[in-house]
PDB file of N, CA and C in Angstrom:
ATOM      1  N   MET A   1      13.730  35.682  89.305  1.00  0.00           N
ATOM      2  CA  MET A   1      12.678  36.379  88.596  1.00  0.00           C
ATOM      3  C   MET A   1      12.966  36.306  87.099  1.00  0.00           C
ATOM      4  N   ASN A   2      11.922  36.049  86.343  1.00  0.00           N
ATOM      5  CA  ASN A   2      12.048  36.031  84.890  1.00  0.00           C
ATOM      6  C   ASN A   2      11.775  37.441  84.384  1.00  0.00           C
ATOM      7  N   GLU A   3      12.800  38.127  83.934  1.00  0.00           N
ATOM      8  CA  GLU A   3      12.697  39.527  83.498  1.00  0.00           C
ATOM      9  C   GLU A   3      11.703  39.707  82.352  1.00  0.00           C
ATOM     10  N   ASP A   4      11.676  38.762  81.420  1.00  0.00           N
ATOM     11  CA  ASP A   4      10.760  38.871  80.280  1.00  0.00           C
ATOM     12  C   ASP A   4       9.302  38.785  80.727  1.00  0.00           C
ATOM     13  N   VAL A   5       9.002  37.840  81.593  1.00  0.00           N
ATOM     14  CA  VAL A   5       7.639  37.681  82.091  1.00  0.00           C
ATOM     15  C   VAL A   5       7.248  38.920  82.908  1.00  0.00           C
ATOM     16  N   PHE A   6       8.132  39.358  83.797  1.00  0.00           N
ATOM     17  CA  PHE A   6       7.870  40.540  84.621  1.00  0.00           C
ATOM     18  C   PHE A   6       7.595  41.758  83.748  1.00  0.00           C
ATOM     19  N   ASN A   7       8.415  41.961  82.728  1.00  0.00           N
ATOM     20  CA  ASN A   7       8.263  43.102  81.829  1.00  0.00           C
ATOM     21  C   ASN A   7       6.915  43.052  81.110  1.00  0.00           C
ATOM     22  N   MET A   8       6.527  41.893  80.611  1.00  0.00           N
ATOM     23  CA  MET A   8       5.248  41.751  79.914  1.00  0.00           C
ATOM     24  C   MET A   8       4.069  41.988  80.857  1.00  0.00           C
ATOM     25  N   GLU A   9       4.134  41.424  82.047  1.00  0.00           N
ATOM     26  CA  GLU A   9       3.053  41.594  83.018  1.00  0.00           C
ATOM     27  C   GLU A   9       2.941  43.052  83.455  1.00  0.00           C
ATOM     28  N   LEU A  10       4.059  43.709  83.638  1.00  0.00           N
ATOM     29  CA  LEU A  10       4.068  45.120  84.010  1.00  0.00           C
ATOM     30  C   LEU A  10       3.462  45.974  82.905  1.00  0.00           C
ATOM     31  N   ARG A  11       3.812  45.686  81.672  1.00  0.00           N
ATOM     32  CA  ARG A  11       3.255  46.430  80.538  1.00  0.00           C
ATOM     33  C   ARG A  11       1.743  46.218  80.414  1.00  0.00           C
ATOM     34  N   LYS A  12       1.270  44.991  80.644  1.00  0.00           N
ATOM     35  CA  LYS A  12      -0.170  44.719  80.598  1.00  0.00           C
ATOM     36  C   LYS A  12      -0.900  45.507  81.683  1.00  0.00           C
ATOM     37  N   PHE A  13      -0.316  45.537  82.871  1.00  0.00           N
ATOM     38  CA  PHE A  13      -0.926  46.278  83.969  1.00  0.00           C
ATOM     39  C   PHE A  13      -0.972  47.768  83.662  1.00  0.00           C
ATOM     40  N   LEU A  14       0.123  48.333  83.174  1.00  0.00           N
ATOM     41  CA  LEU A  14       0.167  49.759  82.868  1.00  0.00           C
ATOM     42  C   LEU A  14      -0.779  50.133  81.734  1.00  0.00           C
ATOM     43  N   LYS A  15      -0.941  49.249  80.759  1.00  0.00           N
ATOM     44  CA  LYS A  15      -1.899  49.500  79.684  1.00  0.00           C
ATOM     45  C   LYS A  15      -3.315  49.546  80.253  1.00  0.00           C
ATOM     46  N   LYS A  16      -3.640  48.608  81.142  1.00  0.00           N
ATOM     47  CA  LYS A  16      -4.952  48.577  81.784  1.00  0.00           C
ATOM     48  C   LYS A  16      -5.177  49.854  82.594  1.00  0.00           C
ATOM     49  N   VAL A  17      -4.173  50.288  83.325  1.00  0.00           N
ATOM     50  CA  VAL A  17      -4.268  51.523  84.111  1.00  0.00           C
ATOM     51  C   VAL A  17      -4.517  52.716  83.190  1.00  0.00           C
ATOM     52  N   GLY A  18      -3.769  52.806  82.113  1.00  0.00           N
ATOM     53  CA  GLY A  18      -3.894  53.934  81.203  1.00  0.00           C
ATOM     54  C   GLY A  18      -5.253  54.002  80.530  1.00  0.00           C
ATOM     55  N   VAL A  19      -5.716  52.891  80.000  1.00  0.00           N
ATOM     56  CA  VAL A  19      -6.995  52.845  79.295  1.00  0.00           C
ATOM     57  C   VAL A  19      -8.143  53.117  80.265  1.00  0.00           C
ATOM     58  N   THR A  20      -8.119  52.474  81.417  1.00  0.00           N
ATOM     59  CA  THR A  20      -9.178  52.652  82.403  1.00  0.00           C
ATOM     60  C   THR A  20      -9.186  54.078  82.940  1.00  0.00           C
ATOM     61  N   SER A  21      -8.023  54.617  83.244  1.00  0.00           N
ATOM     62  CA  SER A  21      -7.938  55.982  83.766  1.00  0.00           C
ATOM     63  C   SER A  21      -8.463  56.991  82.764  1.00  0.00           C
ATOM     64  N   GLN A  22      -8.100  56.855  81.506  1.00  0.00           N
ATOM     65  CA  GLN A  22      -8.570  57.784  80.488  1.00  0.00           C
ATOM     66  C   GLN A  22     -10.087  57.747  80.386  1.00  0.00           C
ATOM     67  N   ARG A  23     -10.651  56.557  80.364  1.00  0.00           N
ATOM     68  CA  ARG A  23     -12.101  56.407  80.253  1.00  0.00           C
ATOM     69  C   ARG A  23     -12.804  57.055  81.449  1.00  0.00           C
ATOM     70  N   GLU A  24     -12.306  56.820  82.647  1.00  0.00           N
ATOM     71  CA  GLU A  24     -12.919  57.375  83.856  1.00  0.00           C
ATOM     72  C   GLU A  24     -12.816  58.899  83.902  1.00  0.00           C
ATOM     73  N   ILE A  25     -11.668  59.439  83.510  1.00  0.00           N
ATOM     74  CA  ILE A  25     -11.480  60.895  83.496  1.00  0.00           C
ATOM     75  C   ILE A  25     -12.412  61.523  82.474  1.00  0.00           C
ATOM     76  N   GLU A  26     -12.465  60.956  81.278  1.00  0.00           N
ATOM     77  CA  GLU A  26     -13.353  61.497  80.241  1.00  0.00           C
ATOM     78  C   GLU A  26     -14.801  61.504  80.712  1.00  0.00           C
ATOM     79  N   GLN A  27     -15.226  60.418  81.314  1.00  0.00           N
ATOM     80  CA  GLN A  27     -16.609  60.310  81.788  1.00  0.00           C
ATOM     81  C   GLN A  27     -16.888  61.328  82.893  1.00  0.00           C
ATOM     82  N   ALA A  28     -15.968  61.480  83.831  1.00  0.00           N
ATOM     83  CA  ALA A  28     -16.157  62.420  84.934  1.00  0.00           C
ATOM     84  C   ALA A  28     -16.212  63.857  84.432  1.00  0.00           C
ATOM     85  N   VAL A  29     -15.349  64.201  83.483  1.00  0.00           N
ATOM     86  CA  VAL A  29     -15.325  65.566  82.952  1.00  0.00           C
ATOM     87  C   VAL A  29     -16.606  65.843  82.169  1.00  0.00           C
ATOM     88  N   ARG A  30     -17.014  64.922  81.327  1.00  0.00           N
ATOM     89  CA  ARG A  30     -18.247  65.125  80.554  1.00  0.00           C
ATOM     90  C   ARG A  30     -19.463  65.264  81.465  1.00  0.00           C
ATOM     91  N   SER A  31     -19.529  64.451  82.502  1.00  0.00           N
ATOM     92  CA  SER A  31     -20.641  64.529  83.457  1.00  0.00           C
ATOM     93  C   SER A  31     -20.626  65.862  84.203  1.00  0.00           C
ATOM     94  N   ALA A  32     -19.443  66.323  84.574  1.00  0.00           N
ATOM     95  CA  ALA A  32     -19.330  67.590  85.284  1.00  0.00           C
ATOM     96  C   ALA A  32     -19.736  68.765  84.393  1.00  0.00           C
ATOM     97  N   ILE A  33     -19.400  68.692  83.119  1.00  0.00           N
ATOM     98  CA  ILE A  33     -19.809  69.744  82.182  1.00  0.00           C
ATOM     99  C   ILE A  33     -21.327  69.730  82.022  1.00  0.00           C
ATOM    100  N   GLU A  34     -21.899  68.550  81.849  1.00  0.00           N
ATOM    101  CA  GLU A  34     -23.357  68.430  81.696  1.00  0.00           C
ATOM    102  C   GLU A  34     -24.098  68.921  82.939  1.00  0.00           C
ATOM    103  N   ALA A  35     -23.504  68.698  84.112  1.00  0.00           N
ATOM    104  CA  ALA A  35     -24.135  69.103  85.368  1.00  0.00           C
ATOM    105  C   ALA A  35     -23.869  70.568  85.705  1.00  0.00           C
ATOM    106  N   GLY A  36     -23.069  71.234  84.891  1.00  0.00           N
ATOM    107  CA  GLY A  36     -22.761  72.637  85.135  1.00  0.00           C
ATOM    108  C   GLY A  36     -21.672  72.876  86.167  1.00  0.00           C
ATOM    109  N   LYS A  37     -20.990  71.811  86.583  1.00  0.00           N
ATOM    110  CA  LYS A  37     -19.906  71.958  87.559  1.00  0.00           C
ATOM    111  C   LYS A  37     -18.627  72.459  86.899  1.00  0.00           C
ATOM    112  N   LEU A  38     -18.494  72.226  85.618  1.00  0.00           N
ATOM    113  CA  LEU A  38     -17.364  72.718  84.830  1.00  0.00           C
ATOM    114  C   LEU A  38     -17.915  73.441  83.607  1.00  0.00           C
ATOM    115  N   GLN A  39     -17.185  74.424  83.137  1.00  0.00           N
ATOM    116  CA  GLN A  39     -17.556  75.142  81.920  1.00  0.00           C
ATOM    117  C   GLN A  39     -16.971  74.464  80.680  1.00  0.00           C
ATOM    118  N   GLY A  40     -15.843  73.788  80.848  1.00  0.00           N
ATOM    119  CA  GLY A  40     -15.187  73.129  79.719  1.00  0.00           C
ATOM    120  C   GLY A  40     -13.936  73.833  79.254  1.00  0.00           C
ATOM    121  N   ASP A  41     -13.580  74.928  79.952  1.00  0.00           N
ATOM    122  CA  ASP A  41     -12.359  75.645  79.578  1.00  0.00           C
ATOM    123  C   ASP A  41     -11.352  75.703  80.732  1.00  0.00           C
ATOM    124  N   GLU A  42     -11.611  74.916  81.787  1.00  0.00           N
ATOM    125  CA  GLU A  42     -10.736  74.903  82.952  1.00  0.00           C
ATOM    126  C   GLU A  42      -9.547  73.961  82.760  1.00  0.00           C
ATOM    127  N   THR A  43      -8.715  73.992  83.755  1.00  0.00           N
ATOM    128  CA  THR A  43      -7.671  72.993  83.927  1.00  0.00           C
ATOM    129  C   THR A  43      -7.994  72.272  85.224  1.00  0.00           C
ATOM    130  N   VAL A  44      -8.072  70.961  85.174  1.00  0.00           N
ATOM    131  CA  VAL A  44      -8.363  70.187  86.382  1.00  0.00           C
ATOM    132  C   VAL A  44      -7.084  69.539  86.884  1.00  0.00           C
ATOM    133  N   LYS A  45      -6.984  69.473  88.187  1.00  0.00           N
ATOM    134  CA  LYS A  45      -5.818  68.851  88.814  1.00  0.00           C
ATOM    135  C   LYS A  45      -6.092  67.360  88.978  1.00  0.00           C
ATOM    136  N   ALA A  46      -5.095  66.568  88.694  1.00  0.00           N
ATOM    137  CA  ALA A  46      -5.229  65.118  88.811  1.00  0.00           C
ATOM    138  C   ALA A  46      -4.129  64.574  89.717  1.00  0.00           C
ATOM    139  N   LYS A  47      -4.461  63.483  90.397  1.00  0.00           N
ATOM    140  CA  LYS A  47      -3.472  62.814  91.243  1.00  0.00           C
ATOM    141  C   LYS A  47      -3.712  61.317  91.157  1.00  0.00           C
ATOM    142  N   VAL A  48      -2.647  60.573  91.006  1.00  0.00           N
ATOM    143  CA  VAL A  48      -2.700  59.115  91.033  1.00  0.00           C
ATOM    144  C   VAL A  48      -1.806  58.657  92.174  1.00  0.00           C
ATOM    145  N   ILE A  49      -2.316  57.723  92.951  1.00  0.00           N
ATOM    146  CA  ILE A  49      -1.511  57.139  94.029  1.00  0.00           C
ATOM    147  C   ILE A  49      -1.258  55.684  93.677  1.00  0.00           C
ATOM    148  N   LEU A  50       0.004  55.339  93.528  1.00  0.00           N
ATOM    149  CA  LEU A  50       0.418  53.981  93.175  1.00  0.00           C
ATOM    150  C   LEU A  50       0.922  53.285  94.432  1.00  0.00           C
ATOM    151  N   THR A  51       0.353  52.128  94.708  1.00  0.00           N
ATOM    152  CA  THR A  51       0.829  51.322  95.837  1.00  0.00           C
ATOM    153  C   THR A  51       1.022  49.887  95.375  1.00  0.00           C
ATOM    154  N   LEU A  52       1.879  49.189  96.050  1.00  0.00           N
ATOM    155  CA  LEU A  52       2.037  47.748  95.841  1.00  0.00           C
ATOM    156  C   LEU A  52       1.762  47.068  97.169  1.00  0.00           C
ATOM    157  N   GLU A  53       0.715  46.258  97.194  1.00  0.00           N
ATOM    158  CA  GLU A  53       0.352  45.570  98.421  1.00  0.00           C
ATOM    159  C   GLU A  53       1.495  44.682  98.890  1.00  0.00           C
ATOM    160  N   GLY A  54       1.768  44.742 100.176  1.00  0.00           N
ATOM    161  CA  GLY A  54       2.805  43.902 100.761  1.00  0.00           C
ATOM    162  C   GLY A  54       4.212  44.444 100.571  1.00  0.00           C
ATOM    163  N   LEU A  55       4.349  45.508  99.797  1.00  0.00           N
ATOM    164  CA  LEU A  55       5.654  46.124  99.595  1.00  0.00           C
ATOM    165  C   LEU A  55       5.577  47.569 100.050  1.00  0.00           C
ATOM    166  N   ASP A  56       6.695  48.124 100.367  1.00  0.00           N
ATOM    167  CA  ASP A  56       6.747  49.488 100.883  1.00  0.00           C
ATOM    168  C   ASP A  56       6.821  50.480  99.721  1.00  0.00           C
ATOM    169  N   LEU A  57       5.742  50.526  98.919  1.00  0.00           N
ATOM    170  CA  LEU A  57       5.703  51.481  97.811  1.00  0.00           C
ATOM    171  C   LEU A  57       4.415  52.271  97.877  1.00  0.00           C
ATOM    172  N   ARG A  58       4.574  53.570  97.941  1.00  0.00           N
ATOM    173  CA  ARG A  58       3.461  54.511  97.809  1.00  0.00           C
ATOM    174  C   ARG A  58       4.027  55.704  97.063  1.00  0.00           C
ATOM    175  N   HIS A  59       3.567  55.883  95.831  1.00  0.00           N
ATOM    176  CA  HIS A  59       4.104  56.940  94.969  1.00  0.00           C
ATOM    177  C   HIS A  59       2.952  57.773  94.431  1.00  0.00           C
ATOM    178  N   GLU A  60       3.033  59.099  94.602  1.00  0.00           N
ATOM    179  CA  GLU A  60       2.008  60.001  94.096  1.00  0.00           C
ATOM    180  C   GLU A  60       2.488  60.666  92.818  1.00  0.00           C
ATOM    181  N   ILE A  61       1.575  60.746  91.862  1.00  0.00           N
ATOM    182  CA  ILE A  61       1.850  61.423  90.591  1.00  0.00           C
ATOM    183  C   ILE A  61       0.805  62.523  90.455  1.00  0.00           C
ATOM    184  N   HIS A  62       1.257  63.764  90.283  1.00  0.00           N
ATOM    185  CA  HIS A  62       0.371  64.903  90.179  1.00  0.00           C
ATOM    186  C   HIS A  62       0.481  65.491  88.766  1.00  0.00           C
ATOM    187  N   GLY A  63      -0.631  66.039  88.295  1.00  0.00           N
ATOM    188  CA  GLY A  63      -0.600  66.676  86.987  1.00  0.00           C
ATOM    189  C   GLY A  63      -1.825  67.539  86.779  1.00  0.00           C
ATOM    190  N   ASP A  64      -1.771  68.341  85.745  1.00  0.00           N
ATOM    191  CA  ASP A  64      -2.883  69.185  85.346  1.00  0.00           C
ATOM    192  C   ASP A  64      -3.380  68.720  83.989  1.00  0.00           C
ATOM    193  N   ILE A  65      -4.714  68.729  83.817  1.00  0.00           N
ATOM    194  CA  ILE A  65      -5.334  68.356  82.561  1.00  0.00           C
ATOM    195  C   ILE A  65      -6.139  69.554  82.067  1.00  0.00           C
ATOM    196  N   SER A  66      -5.683  70.154  80.983  1.00  0.00           N
ATOM    197  CA  SER A  66      -6.367  71.301  80.413  1.00  0.00           C
ATOM    198  C   SER A  66      -7.526  70.821  79.546  1.00  0.00           C
ATOM    199  N   LEU A  67      -8.678  71.480  79.695  1.00  0.00           N
ATOM    200  CA  LEU A  67      -9.858  71.090  78.925  1.00  0.00           C
ATOM    201  C   LEU A  67     -10.023  71.907  77.653  1.00  0.00           C
ATOM    202  N   SER A  68      -9.190  72.925  77.476  1.00  0.00           N
ATOM    203  CA  SER A  68      -9.298  73.702  76.241  1.00  0.00           C
ATOM    204  C   SER A  68      -7.923  74.118  75.745  1.00  0.00           C
TER     205      SER A  68
END
C-alpha cells in the first residue's frame, strides 16, 4: 500500500463527507424550521454510521447539534 496515496484519498473522502453532511444538515434544519417542526432553539441529535464495503467495519458516531 502506498501510504501517501492512501492518506490523500482518505482526506478527499473525508472532505466530501464533511461538506456534504454540513449542507444536508443545514438544509434539513432550515426546512424543519420553515415547516414549524422546529422552533430554532432546540438541540438535535445526530448520528453517522460509517461502513466499509467488503470489510468488517461499522462505526457509529453520535452527537448533539445546538441550534441556538
